[in-house]
Structure formats: structure tokens, C-alpha cells
Amino acid sequence: MIYLDNNASTPLDPEVWSAMERAATVHGNPSSVHAEGQRARRVVEEARQEIASLLCARAEEVVLTSGGTESILMSMPPIVKWRYDWEPAEGSAEAKLYSDFLIDKDWLA
């Protein structure tokens, strides 16, 4: 069994540590136009491509975030869209999911 809920105490695989060390030598902002920023952009895009290939996905489908909270909050726009753009059909699976999201917010805690 692989236990993945160790928070910050999960020991890193040596290969992961090595990749992180290499990435840590890049100090530019990947959104910048200067040389160091463009180098950082390449590192990010290469990582995105590697992740995509492992997931059999396209690189543009891989969204990198700063952590779990940001990832969870990024999943919320569909709920906002439901709330403001349309209501699911009564009795449908979407209606059940919609009501669960609206009524019980404990899953966000």
C-alpha cells in the first residue's frame, strides 16, 4: 500500500529531489520577458510536458498550481456557472450533485 497523506513529512524519492534541485537553480519569473524568466518558462513547460506524457494528456491540459487549496478552488467555477447560468433538470444526477455542493460545504473544510 502507498500512503499519500503525509502532508509535508512525506519523504521524497531521490529522483524527485534531484529534479527539484535542478529546478531550484532557476530564479526568474516564468512570465517575464528577460533571459532568466524565459529560462524559467522553459523549465515549467518541460515539466508540464513530462507530466502530460505520464498522464497520456496534452500539455495544455496540465494546470500547475501552488498547492492543494489553489487546486480545489480552481475546481469551483463549474459550480458558480451552474448557480448563475442554469439549473440542472429536476431529479437528474446533476441536480443531486448541485444540491450537495450548495447545501453541505463541510467537504471544503
PDB file of N, CA and C in Angstrom:
ATOM      1  N   MET A   1       0.843  -1.180   0.000  1.00  0.00           N
ATOM      2  CA  MET A   1       0.000   0.000   0.000  1.00  0.00           C
ATOM      3  C   MET A   1       0.886   1.240   0.000  1.00  0.00           C
ATOM      4  N   ILE A   2       0.486   2.240  -0.745  1.00  0.00           N
ATOM      5  CA  ILE A   2       1.197   3.514  -0.766  1.00  0.00           C
ATOM      6  C   ILE A   2       0.333   4.541  -0.059  1.00  0.00           C
ATOM      7  N   TYR A   3       0.839   5.129   1.021  1.00  0.00           N
ATOM      8  CA  TYR A   3       0.098   6.121   1.795  1.00  0.00           C
ATOM      9  C   TYR A   3       0.524   7.492   1.310  1.00  0.00           C
ATOM     10  N   LEU A   4      -0.417   8.292   0.788  1.00  0.00           N
ATOM     11  CA  LEU A   4      -0.081   9.575   0.177  1.00  0.00           C
ATOM     12  C   LEU A   4      -0.475  10.786   1.012  1.00  0.00           C
ATOM     13  N   ASP A   5      -0.940  10.595   2.229  1.00  0.00           N
ATOM     14  CA  ASP A   5      -1.424  11.725   3.015  1.00  0.00           C
ATOM     15  C   ASP A   5      -0.487  12.033   4.177  1.00  0.00           C
ATOM     16  N   ASN A   6       0.770  12.251   3.868  1.00  0.00           N
ATOM     17  CA  ASN A   6       1.750  12.537   4.912  1.00  0.00           C
ATOM     18  C   ASN A   6       2.015  14.025   5.088  1.00  0.00           C
ATOM     19  N   ASN A   7       1.269  14.870   4.399  1.00  0.00           N
ATOM     20  CA  ASN A   7       1.491  16.312   4.424  1.00  0.00           C
ATOM     21  C   ASN A   7       2.941  16.608   4.053  1.00  0.00           C
ATOM     22  N   ALA A   8       3.575  17.489   4.774  1.00  0.00           N
ATOM     23  CA  ALA A   8       4.936  17.895   4.431  1.00  0.00           C
ATOM     24  C   ALA A   8       5.985  16.888   4.875  1.00  0.00           C
ATOM     25  N   SER A   9       5.580  15.835   5.565  1.00  0.00           N
ATOM     26  CA  SER A   9       6.561  14.879   6.087  1.00  0.00           C
ATOM     27  C   SER A   9       6.833  13.714   5.139  1.00  0.00           C
ATOM     28  N   THR A  10       6.203  13.692   3.982  1.00  0.00           N
ATOM     29  CA  THR A  10       6.419  12.600   3.046  1.00  0.00           C
ATOM     30  C   THR A  10       7.852  12.628   2.541  1.00  0.00           C
ATOM     31  N   PRO A  11       8.584  11.534   2.696  1.00  0.00           N
ATOM     32  CA  PRO A  11       9.952  11.522   2.186  1.00  0.00           C
ATOM     33  C   PRO A  11       9.956  11.567   0.660  1.00  0.00           C
ATOM     34  N   LEU A  12      10.869  12.334   0.097  1.00  0.00           N
ATOM     35  CA  LEU A  12      10.959  12.455  -1.350  1.00  0.00           C
ATOM     36  C   LEU A  12      11.792  11.341  -1.951  1.00  0.00           C
ATOM     37  N   ASP A  13      11.348  10.874  -3.077  1.00  0.00           N
ATOM     38  CA  ASP A  13      12.117   9.936  -3.869  1.00  0.00           C
ATOM     39  C   ASP A  13      13.391  10.660  -4.321  1.00  0.00           C
ATOM     40  N   PRO A  14      14.542  10.020  -4.312  1.00  0.00           N
ATOM     41  CA  PRO A  14      15.783  10.682  -4.708  1.00  0.00           C
ATOM     42  C   PRO A  14      15.717  11.313  -6.106  1.00  0.00           C
ATOM     43  N   GLU A  15      14.996  10.688  -7.024  1.00  0.00           N
ATOM     44  CA  GLU A  15      14.869  11.236  -8.372  1.00  0.00           C
ATOM     45  C   GLU A  15      14.066  12.548  -8.353  1.00  0.00           C
ATOM     46  N   VAL A  16      13.051  12.607  -7.500  1.00  0.00           N
ATOM     47  CA  VAL A  16      12.258  13.829  -7.354  1.00  0.00           C
ATOM     48  C   VAL A  16      13.129  14.918  -6.745  1.00  0.00           C
ATOM     49  N   TRP A  17      13.882  14.576  -5.721  1.00  0.00           N
ATOM     50  CA  TRP A  17      14.759  15.546  -5.071  1.00  0.00           C
ATOM     51  C   TRP A  17      15.759  16.121  -6.082  1.00  0.00           C
ATOM     52  N   SER A  18      16.316  15.274  -6.903  1.00  0.00           N
ATOM     53  CA  SER A  18      17.271  15.719  -7.918  1.00  0.00           C
ATOM     54  C   SER A  18      16.615  16.694  -8.896  1.00  0.00           C
ATOM     55  N   ALA A  19      15.411  16.381  -9.338  1.00  0.00           N
ATOM     56  CA  ALA A  19      14.692  17.269 -10.267  1.00  0.00           C
ATOM     57  C   ALA A  19      14.382  18.607  -9.608  1.00  0.00           C
ATOM     58  N   MET A  20      14.020  18.565  -8.334  1.00  0.00           N
ATOM     59  CA  MET A  20      13.724  19.813  -7.615  1.00  0.00           C
ATOM     60  C   MET A  20      14.986  20.659  -7.457  1.00  0.00           C
ATOM     61  N   GLU A  21      16.103  20.010  -7.187  1.00  0.00           N
ATOM     62  CA  GLU A  21      17.364  20.751  -7.060  1.00  0.00           C
ATOM     63  C   GLU A  21      17.718  21.460  -8.364  1.00  0.00           C
ATOM     64  N   ARG A  22      17.546  20.757  -9.488  1.00  0.00           N
ATOM     65  CA  ARG A  22      17.840  21.369 -10.787  1.00  0.00           C
ATOM     66  C   ARG A  22      16.915  22.564 -11.033  1.00  0.00           C
ATOM     67  N   ALA A  23      15.641  22.413 -10.735  1.00  0.00           N
ATOM     68  CA  ALA A  23      14.677  23.496 -10.946  1.00  0.00           C
ATOM     69  C   ALA A  23      14.943  24.675 -10.020  1.00  0.00           C
ATOM     70  N   ALA A  24      15.474  24.398  -8.830  1.00  0.00           N
ATOM     71  CA  ALA A  24      15.720  25.468  -7.859  1.00  0.00           C
ATOM     72  C   ALA A  24      16.853  26.397  -8.272  1.00  0.00           C
ATOM     73  N   THR A  25      17.618  26.005  -9.263  1.00  0.00           N
ATOM     74  CA  THR A  25      18.699  26.886  -9.721  1.00  0.00           C
ATOM     75  C   THR A  25      18.187  27.962 -10.670  1.00  0.00           C
ATOM     76  N   VAL A  26      16.928  27.884 -11.070  1.00  0.00           N
ATOM     77  CA  VAL A  26      16.325  28.879 -11.967  1.00  0.00           C
ATOM     78  C   VAL A  26      15.581  29.884 -11.103  1.00  0.00           C
ATOM     79  N   HIS A  27      15.951  31.157 -11.222  1.00  0.00           N
ATOM     80  CA  HIS A  27      15.393  32.167 -10.319  1.00  0.00           C
ATOM     81  C   HIS A  27      14.485  33.168 -11.005  1.00  0.00           C
ATOM     82  N   GLY A  28      14.235  33.028 -12.287  1.00  0.00           N
ATOM     83  CA  GLY A  28      13.415  34.001 -12.993  1.00  0.00           C
ATOM     84  C   GLY A  28      11.925  33.744 -12.844  1.00  0.00           C
ATOM     85  N   ASN A  29      11.162  34.781 -13.096  1.00  0.00           N
ATOM     86  CA  ASN A  29       9.707  34.678 -13.132  1.00  0.00           C
ATOM     87  C   ASN A  29       9.325  34.159 -14.514  1.00  0.00           C
ATOM     88  N   PRO A  30       8.649  33.021 -14.610  1.00  0.00           N
ATOM     89  CA  PRO A  30       8.341  32.435 -15.918  1.00  0.00           C
ATOM     90  C   PRO A  30       7.462  33.320 -16.803  1.00  0.00           C
ATOM     91  N   SER A  31       6.879  34.365 -16.236  1.00  0.00           N
ATOM     92  CA  SER A  31       6.061  35.291 -17.029  1.00  0.00           C
ATOM     93  C   SER A  31       6.858  36.482 -17.526  1.00  0.00           C
ATOM     94  N   SER A  32       8.135  36.546 -17.168  1.00  0.00           N
ATOM     95  CA  SER A  32       8.979  37.675 -17.565  1.00  0.00           C
ATOM     96  C   SER A  32       9.539  37.488 -18.969  1.00  0.00           C
ATOM     97  N   VAL A  33       9.936  38.594 -19.592  1.00  0.00           N
ATOM     98  CA  VAL A  33      10.491  38.533 -20.946  1.00  0.00           C
ATOM     99  C   VAL A  33      12.018  38.465 -20.951  1.00  0.00           C
ATOM    100  N   HIS A  34      12.655  38.706 -19.797  1.00  0.00           N
ATOM    101  CA  HIS A  34      14.122  38.665 -19.764  1.00  0.00           C
ATOM    102  C   HIS A  34      14.623  37.223 -19.813  1.00  0.00           C
ATOM    103  N   ALA A  35      15.922  37.081 -20.037  1.00  0.00           N
ATOM    104  CA  ALA A  35      16.516  35.761 -20.288  1.00  0.00           C
ATOM    105  C   ALA A  35      16.258  34.763 -19.150  1.00  0.00           C
ATOM    106  N   GLU A  36      16.447  35.187 -17.910  1.00  0.00           N
ATOM    107  CA  GLU A  36      16.242  34.259 -16.789  1.00  0.00           C
ATOM    108  C   GLU A  36      14.774  33.859 -16.674  1.00  0.00           C
ATOM    109  N   GLY A  37      13.871  34.785 -16.958  1.00  0.00           N
ATOM    110  CA  GLY A  37      12.446  34.475 -16.954  1.00  0.00           C
ATOM    111  C   GLY A  37      12.086  33.476 -18.033  1.00  0.00           C
ATOM    112  N   GLN A  38      12.679  33.643 -19.203  1.00  0.00           N
ATOM    113  CA  GLN A  38      12.408  32.717 -20.300  1.00  0.00           C
ATOM    114  C   GLN A  38      12.991  31.333 -20.006  1.00  0.00           C
ATOM    115  N   ARG A  39      14.124  31.316 -19.298  1.00  0.00           N
ATOM    116  CA  ARG A  39      14.698  30.032 -18.869  1.00  0.00           C
ATOM    117  C   ARG A  39      13.740  29.338 -17.899  1.00  0.00           C
ATOM    118  N   ALA A  40      13.178  30.112 -16.977  1.00  0.00           N
ATOM    119  CA  ALA A  40      12.209  29.557 -16.023  1.00  0.00           C
ATOM    120  C   ALA A  40      10.974  29.044 -16.765  1.00  0.00           C
ATOM    121  N   ARG A  41      10.531  29.779 -17.778  1.00  0.00           N
ATOM    122  CA  ARG A  41       9.371  29.353 -18.569  1.00  0.00           C
ATOM    123  C   ARG A  41       9.638  27.997 -19.226  1.00  0.00           C
ATOM    124  N   ARG A  42      10.841  27.830 -19.767  1.00  0.00           N
ATOM    125  CA  ARG A  42      11.200  26.557 -20.404  1.00  0.00           C
ATOM    126  C   ARG A  42      11.156  25.409 -19.396  1.00  0.00           C
ATOM    127  N   VAL A  43      11.676  25.658 -18.192  1.00  0.00           N
ATOM    128  CA  VAL A  43      11.668  24.618 -17.145  1.00  0.00           C
ATOM    129  C   VAL A  43      10.229  24.228 -16.810  1.00  0.00           C
ATOM    130  N   VAL A  44       9.356  25.219 -16.646  1.00  0.00           N
ATOM    131  CA  VAL A  44       7.951  24.950 -16.321  1.00  0.00           C
ATOM    132  C   VAL A  44       7.279  24.177 -17.455  1.00  0.00           C
ATOM    133  N   GLU A  45       7.505  24.616 -18.690  1.00  0.00           N
ATOM    134  CA  GLU A  45       6.857  23.963 -19.831  1.00  0.00           C
ATOM    135  C   GLU A  45       7.382  22.543 -20.048  1.00  0.00           C
ATOM    136  N   GLU A  46       8.666  22.328 -19.789  1.00  0.00           N
ATOM    137  CA  GLU A  46       9.212  20.971 -19.886  1.00  0.00           C
ATOM    138  C   GLU A  46       8.574  20.069 -18.827  1.00  0.00           C
ATOM    139  N   ALA A  47       8.414  20.592 -17.616  1.00  0.00           N
ATOM    140  CA  ALA A  47       7.772  19.809 -16.549  1.00  0.00           C
ATOM    141  C   ALA A  47       6.322  19.508 -16.925  1.00  0.00           C
ATOM    142  N   ARG A  48       5.624  20.502 -17.464  1.00  0.00           N
ATOM    143  CA  ARG A  48       4.231  20.309 -17.880  1.00  0.00           C
ATOM    144  C   ARG A  48       4.140  19.201 -18.939  1.00  0.00           C
ATOM    145  N   GLN A  49       5.080  19.211 -19.893  1.00  0.00           N
ATOM    146  CA  GLN A  49       5.090  18.199 -20.952  1.00  0.00           C
ATOM    147  C   GLN A  49       5.368  16.803 -20.385  1.00  0.00           C
ATOM    148  N   GLU A  50       6.302  16.720 -19.443  1.00  0.00           N
ATOM    149  CA  GLU A  50       6.608  15.419 -18.825  1.00  0.00           C
ATOM    150  C   GLU A  50       5.400  14.867 -18.077  1.00  0.00           C
ATOM    151  N   ILE A  51       4.728  15.731 -17.326  1.00  0.00           N
ATOM    152  CA  ILE A  51       3.537  15.308 -16.584  1.00  0.00           C
ATOM    153  C   ILE A  51       2.458  14.850 -17.558  1.00  0.00           C
ATOM    154  N   ALA A  52       2.255  15.632 -18.624  1.00  0.00           N
ATOM    155  CA  ALA A  52       1.237  15.289 -19.625  1.00  0.00           C
ATOM    156  C   ALA A  52       1.520  13.930 -20.247  1.00  0.00           C
ATOM    157  N   SER A  53       2.774  13.676 -20.554  1.00  0.00           N
ATOM    158  CA  SER A  53       3.095  12.389 -21.183  1.00  0.00           C
ATOM    159  C   SER A  53       2.840  11.227 -20.227  1.00  0.00           C
ATOM    160  N   LEU A  54       3.063  11.424 -18.941  1.00  0.00           N
ATOM    161  CA  LEU A  54       2.770  10.379 -17.955  1.00  0.00           C
ATOM    162  C   LEU A  54       1.274  10.124 -17.828  1.00  0.00           C
ATOM    163  N   LEU A  55       0.468  11.171 -18.065  1.00  0.00           N
ATOM    164  CA  LEU A  55      -0.983  11.066 -17.924  1.00  0.00           C
ATOM    165  C   LEU A  55      -1.695  10.801 -19.243  1.00  0.00           C
ATOM    166  N   CYS A  56      -0.905  10.638 -20.317  1.00  0.00           N
ATOM    167  CA  CYS A  56      -1.489  10.479 -21.659  1.00  0.00           C
ATOM    168  C   CYS A  56      -2.414  11.650 -21.968  1.00  0.00           C
ATOM    169  N   ALA A  57      -1.948  12.850 -21.675  1.00  0.00           N
ATOM    170  CA  ALA A  57      -2.723  14.074 -21.890  1.00  0.00           C
ATOM    171  C   ALA A  57      -1.912  15.038 -22.746  1.00  0.00           C
ATOM    172  N   ARG A  58      -2.545  16.111 -23.141  1.00  0.00           N
ATOM    173  CA  ARG A  58      -1.833  17.181 -23.845  1.00  0.00           C
ATOM    174  C   ARG A  58      -1.284  18.145 -22.803  1.00  0.00           C
ATOM    175  N   ALA A  59      -0.147  18.746 -23.082  1.00  0.00           N
ATOM    176  CA  ALA A  59       0.493  19.662 -22.122  1.00  0.00           C
ATOM    177  C   ALA A  59      -0.443  20.795 -21.718  1.00  0.00           C
ATOM    178  N   GLU A  60      -1.239  21.295 -22.656  1.00  0.00           N
ATOM    179  CA  GLU A  60      -2.137  22.410 -22.329  1.00  0.00           C
ATOM    180  C   GLU A  60      -3.274  21.993 -21.390  1.00  0.00           C
ATOM    181  N   GLU A  61      -3.444  20.690 -21.174  1.00  0.00           N
ATOM    182  CA  GLU A  61      -4.455  20.210 -20.228  1.00  0.00           C
ATOM    183  C   GLU A  61      -3.914  20.119 -18.805  1.00  0.00           C
ATOM    184  N   VAL A  62      -2.609  20.270 -18.636  1.00  0.00           N
ATOM    185  CA  VAL A  62      -1.983  20.180 -17.318  1.00  0.00           C
ATOM    186  C   VAL A  62      -1.907  21.572 -16.715  1.00  0.00           C
ATOM    187  N   VAL A  63      -2.536  21.744 -15.554  1.00  0.00           N
ATOM    188  CA  VAL A  63      -2.531  23.025 -14.859  1.00  0.00           C
ATOM    189  C   VAL A  63      -1.690  22.858 -13.600  1.00  0.00           C
ATOM    190  N   LEU A  64      -0.647  23.652 -13.478  1.00  0.00           N
ATOM    191  CA  LEU A  64       0.229  23.591 -12.309  1.00  0.00           C
ATOM    192  C   LEU A  64      -0.207  24.671 -11.325  1.00  0.00           C
ATOM    193  N   THR A  65      -0.369  24.291 -10.063  1.00  0.00           N
ATOM    194  CA  THR A  65      -0.784  25.243  -9.032  1.00  0.00           C
ATOM    195  C   THR A  65       0.249  25.261  -7.915  1.00  0.00           C
ATOM    196  N   SER A  66       0.048  26.178  -6.985  1.00  0.00           N
ATOM    197  CA  SER A  66       0.991  26.300  -5.870  1.00  0.00           C
ATOM    198  C   SER A  66       0.685  25.320  -4.742  1.00  0.00           C
ATOM    199  N   GLY A  67      -0.461  24.649  -4.790  1.00  0.00           N
ATOM    200  CA  GLY A  67      -0.785  23.697  -3.736  1.00  0.00           C
ATOM    201  C   GLY A  67      -2.217  23.206  -3.810  1.00  0.00           C
ATOM    202  N   GLY A  68      -2.596  22.417  -2.814  1.00  0.00           N
ATOM    203  CA  GLY A  68      -3.907  21.791  -2.785  1.00  0.00           C
ATOM    204  C   GLY A  68      -5.066  22.763  -2.716  1.00  0.00           C
ATOM    205  N   THR A  69      -4.956  23.802  -1.895  1.00  0.00           N
ATOM    206  CA  THR A  69      -6.057  24.751  -1.764  1.00  0.00           C
ATOM    207  C   THR A  69      -6.341  25.434  -3.089  1.00  0.00           C
ATOM    208  N   GLU A  70      -5.304  25.876  -3.764  1.00  0.00           N
ATOM    209  CA  GLU A  70      -5.497  26.522  -5.061  1.00  0.00           C
ATOM    210  C   GLU A  70      -6.135  25.550  -6.056  1.00  0.00           C
ATOM    211  N   SER A  71      -5.710  24.304  -6.030  1.00  0.00           N
ATOM    212  CA  SER A  71      -6.282  23.297  -6.927  1.00  0.00           C
ATOM    213  C   SER A  71      -7.766  23.097  -6.664  1.00  0.00           C
ATOM    214  N   ILE A  72      -8.137  22.996  -5.394  1.00  0.00           N
ATOM    215  CA  ILE A  72      -9.553  22.820  -5.044  1.00  0.00           C
ATOM    216  C   ILE A  72     -10.360  24.026  -5.494  1.00  0.00           C
ATOM    217  N   LEU A  73      -9.854  25.216  -5.220  1.00  0.00           N
ATOM    218  CA  LEU A  73     -10.602  26.415  -5.588  1.00  0.00           C
ATOM    219  C   LEU A  73     -10.732  26.563  -7.099  1.00  0.00           C
ATOM    220  N   MET A  74      -9.772  26.047  -7.851  1.00  0.00           N
ATOM    221  CA  MET A  74      -9.870  26.105  -9.310  1.00  0.00           C
ATOM    222  C   MET A  74     -10.982  25.198  -9.821  1.00  0.00           C
ATOM    223  N   SER A  75     -11.376  24.201  -9.038  1.00  0.00           N
ATOM    224  CA  SER A  75     -12.440  23.304  -9.471  1.00  0.00           C
ATOM    225  C   SER A  75     -13.815  23.907  -9.217  1.00  0.00           C
ATOM    226  N   MET A  76     -13.894  25.029  -8.553  1.00  0.00           N
ATOM    227  CA  MET A  76     -15.172  25.615  -8.184  1.00  0.00           C
ATOM    228  C   MET A  76     -15.904  26.352  -9.309  1.00  0.00           C
ATOM    229  N   PRO A  77     -15.254  26.926 -10.316  1.00  0.00           N
ATOM    230  CA  PRO A  77     -16.007  27.668 -11.337  1.00  0.00           C
ATOM    231  C   PRO A  77     -17.168  26.914 -11.965  1.00  0.00           C
ATOM    232  N   PRO A  78     -17.093  25.598 -12.195  1.00  0.00           N
ATOM    233  CA  PRO A  78     -18.292  24.932 -12.742  1.00  0.00           C
ATOM    234  C   PRO A  78     -19.510  25.077 -11.829  1.00  0.00           C
ATOM    235  N   ILE A  79     -19.278  25.095 -10.526  1.00  0.00           N
ATOM    236  CA  ILE A  79     -20.387  25.252  -9.583  1.00  0.00           C
ATOM    237  C   ILE A  79     -20.954  26.659  -9.705  1.00  0.00           C
ATOM    238  N   VAL A  80     -20.068  27.635  -9.817  1.00  0.00           N
ATOM    239  CA  VAL A  80     -20.520  29.013  -9.991  1.00  0.00           C
ATOM    240  C   VAL A  80     -21.302  29.137 -11.294  1.00  0.00           C
ATOM    241  N   LYS A  81     -20.816  28.491 -12.340  1.00  0.00           N
ATOM    242  CA  LYS A  81     -21.522  28.527 -13.628  1.00  0.00           C
ATOM    243  C   LYS A  81     -22.917  27.934 -13.466  1.00  0.00           C
ATOM    244  N   TRP A  82     -23.026  26.786 -12.791  1.00  0.00           N
ATOM    245  CA  TRP A  82     -24.344  26.195 -12.570  1.00  0.00           C
ATOM    246  C   TRP A  82     -25.247  27.179 -11.851  1.00  0.00           C
ATOM    247  N   ARG A  83     -24.716  27.807 -10.840  1.00  0.00           N
ATOM    248  CA  ARG A  83     -25.547  28.657  -9.999  1.00  0.00           C
ATOM    249  C   ARG A  83     -26.084  29.866 -10.761  1.00  0.00           C
ATOM    250  N   TYR A  84     -25.280  30.424 -11.644  1.00  0.00           N
ATOM    251  CA  TYR A  84     -25.678  31.661 -12.292  1.00  0.00           C
ATOM    252  C   TYR A  84     -26.161  31.504 -13.732  1.00  0.00           C
ATOM    253  N   ASP A  85     -25.815  30.432 -14.409  1.00  0.00           N
ATOM    254  CA  ASP A  85     -26.186  30.293 -15.812  1.00  0.00           C
ATOM    255  C   ASP A  85     -27.354  29.351 -16.056  1.00  0.00           C
ATOM    256  N   TRP A  86     -27.511  28.331 -15.245  1.00  0.00           N
ATOM    257  CA  TRP A  86     -28.596  27.383 -15.479  1.00  0.00           C
ATOM    258  C   TRP A  86     -28.833  26.535 -14.252  1.00  0.00           C
ATOM    259  N   GLU A  87     -29.960  25.921 -14.220  1.00  0.00           N
ATOM    260  CA  GLU A  87     -30.308  24.987 -13.160  1.00  0.00           C
ATOM    261  C   GLU A  87     -30.405  23.599 -13.784  1.00  0.00           C
ATOM    262  N   PRO A  88     -29.840  22.578 -13.167  1.00  0.00           N
ATOM    263  CA  PRO A  88     -29.953  21.222 -13.722  1.00  0.00           C
ATOM    264  C   PRO A  88     -31.399  20.732 -13.671  1.00  0.00           C
ATOM    265  N   ALA A  89     -31.713  19.807 -14.532  1.00  0.00           N
ATOM    266  CA  ALA A  89     -33.068  19.243 -14.593  1.00  0.00           C
ATOM    267  C   ALA A  89     -33.423  18.577 -13.265  1.00  0.00           C
ATOM    268  N   GLU A  90     -34.627  18.827 -12.803  1.00  0.00           N
ATOM    269  CA  GLU A  90     -35.087  18.257 -11.535  1.00  0.00           C
ATOM    270  C   GLU A  90     -35.007  16.732 -11.560  1.00  0.00           C
ATOM    271  N   GLY A  91     -34.434  16.157 -10.508  1.00  0.00           N
ATOM    272  CA  GLY A  91     -34.307  14.711 -10.391  1.00  0.00           C
ATOM    273  C   GLY A  91     -33.097  14.114 -11.107  1.00  0.00           C
ATOM    274  N   SER A  92     -32.337  14.942 -11.822  1.00  0.00           N
ATOM    275  CA  SER A  92     -31.178  14.436 -12.558  1.00  0.00           C
ATOM    276  C   SER A  92     -29.987  14.242 -11.621  1.00  0.00           C
ATOM    277  N   ALA A  93     -28.993  13.506 -12.112  1.00  0.00           N
ATOM    278  CA  ALA A  93     -27.762  13.314 -11.338  1.00  0.00           C
ATOM    279  C   ALA A  93     -27.081  14.661 -11.093  1.00  0.00           C
ATOM    280  N   GLU A  94     -27.158  15.553 -12.087  1.00  0.00           N
ATOM    281  CA  GLU A  94     -26.563  16.880 -11.934  1.00  0.00           C
ATOM    282  C   GLU A  94     -27.256  17.664 -10.824  1.00  0.00           C
ATOM    283  N   ALA A  95     -28.590  17.518 -10.726  1.00  0.00           N
ATOM    284  CA  ALA A  95     -29.341  18.214  -9.679  1.00  0.00           C
ATOM    285  C   ALA A  95     -28.912  17.729  -8.299  1.00  0.00           C
ATOM    286  N   LYS A  96     -28.687  16.421  -8.164  1.00  0.00           N
ATOM    287  CA  LYS A  96     -28.238  15.865  -6.885  1.00  0.00           C
ATOM    288  C   LYS A  96     -26.856  16.404  -6.521  1.00  0.00           C
ATOM    289  N   LEU A  97     -25.940  16.382  -7.479  1.00  0.00           N
ATOM    290  CA  LEU A  97     -24.597  16.900  -7.237  1.00  0.00           C
ATOM    291  C   LEU A  97     -24.650  18.382  -6.890  1.00  0.00           C
ATOM    292  N   TYR A  98     -25.442  19.121  -7.630  1.00  0.00           N
ATOM    293  CA  TYR A  98     -25.594  20.562  -7.408  1.00  0.00           C
ATOM    294  C   TYR A  98     -26.088  20.832  -5.994  1.00  0.00           C
ATOM    295  N   SER A  99     -27.120  20.101  -5.550  1.00  0.00           N
ATOM    296  CA  SER A  99     -27.656  20.336  -4.206  1.00  0.00           C
ATOM    297  C   SER A  99     -26.632  19.951  -3.140  1.00  0.00           C
ATOM    298  N   ASP A 100     -25.867  18.893  -3.381  1.00  0.00           N
ATOM    299  CA  ASP A 100     -24.828  18.516  -2.420  1.00  0.00           C
ATOM    300  C   ASP A 100     -23.801  19.623  -2.257  1.00  0.00           C
ATOM    301  N   PHE A 101     -23.398  20.226  -3.366  1.00  0.00           N
ATOM    302  CA  PHE A 101     -22.416  21.307  -3.301  1.00  0.00           C
ATOM    303  C   PHE A 101     -22.993  22.537  -2.606  1.00  0.00           C
ATOM    304  N   LEU A 102     -24.251  22.847  -2.862  1.00  0.00           N
ATOM    305  CA  LEU A 102     -24.839  24.051  -2.291  1.00  0.00           C
ATOM    306  C   LEU A 102     -25.172  23.915  -0.818  1.00  0.00           C
ATOM    307  N   ILE A 103     -25.586  22.725  -0.401  1.00  0.00           N
ATOM    308  CA  ILE A 103     -26.067  22.539   0.967  1.00  0.00           C
ATOM    309  C   ILE A 103     -24.937  22.229   1.939  1.00  0.00           C
ATOM    310  N   ASP A 104     -24.082  21.296   1.592  1.00  0.00           N
ATOM    311  CA  ASP A 104     -23.074  20.829   2.542  1.00  0.00           C
ATOM    312  C   ASP A 104     -21.689  21.297   2.126  1.00  0.00           C
ATOM    313  N   LYS A 105     -21.212  22.322   2.772  1.00  0.00           N
ATOM    314  CA  LYS A 105     -19.894  22.877   2.453  1.00  0.00           C
ATOM    315  C   LYS A 105     -18.787  22.265   3.315  1.00  0.00           C
ATOM    316  N   ASP A 106     -19.127  21.264   4.163  1.00  0.00           N
ATOM    317  CA  ASP A 106     -18.130  20.664   5.050  1.00  0.00           C
ATOM    318  C   ASP A 106     -16.967  20.043   4.282  1.00  0.00           C
ATOM    319  N   TRP A 107     -17.205  19.621   3.039  1.00  0.00           N
ATOM    320  CA  TRP A 107     -16.141  18.984   2.267  1.00  0.00           C
ATOM    321  C   TRP A 107     -15.021  19.965   1.930  1.00  0.00           C
ATOM    322  N   LEU A 108     -15.273  21.269   2.070  1.00  0.00           N
ATOM    323  CA  LEU A 108     -14.227  22.273   1.819  1.00  0.00           C
ATOM    324  C   LEU A 108     -13.358  22.529   3.048  1.00  0.00           C
ATOM    325  N   ALA A 109     -13.831  22.145   4.223  1.00  0.00           N
ATOM    326  CA  ALA A 109     -13.103  22.460   5.456  1.00  0.00           C
ATOM    327  C   ALA A 109     -11.810  21.708   5.569  1.00  0.00           C
TER     328      ALA A 109
END
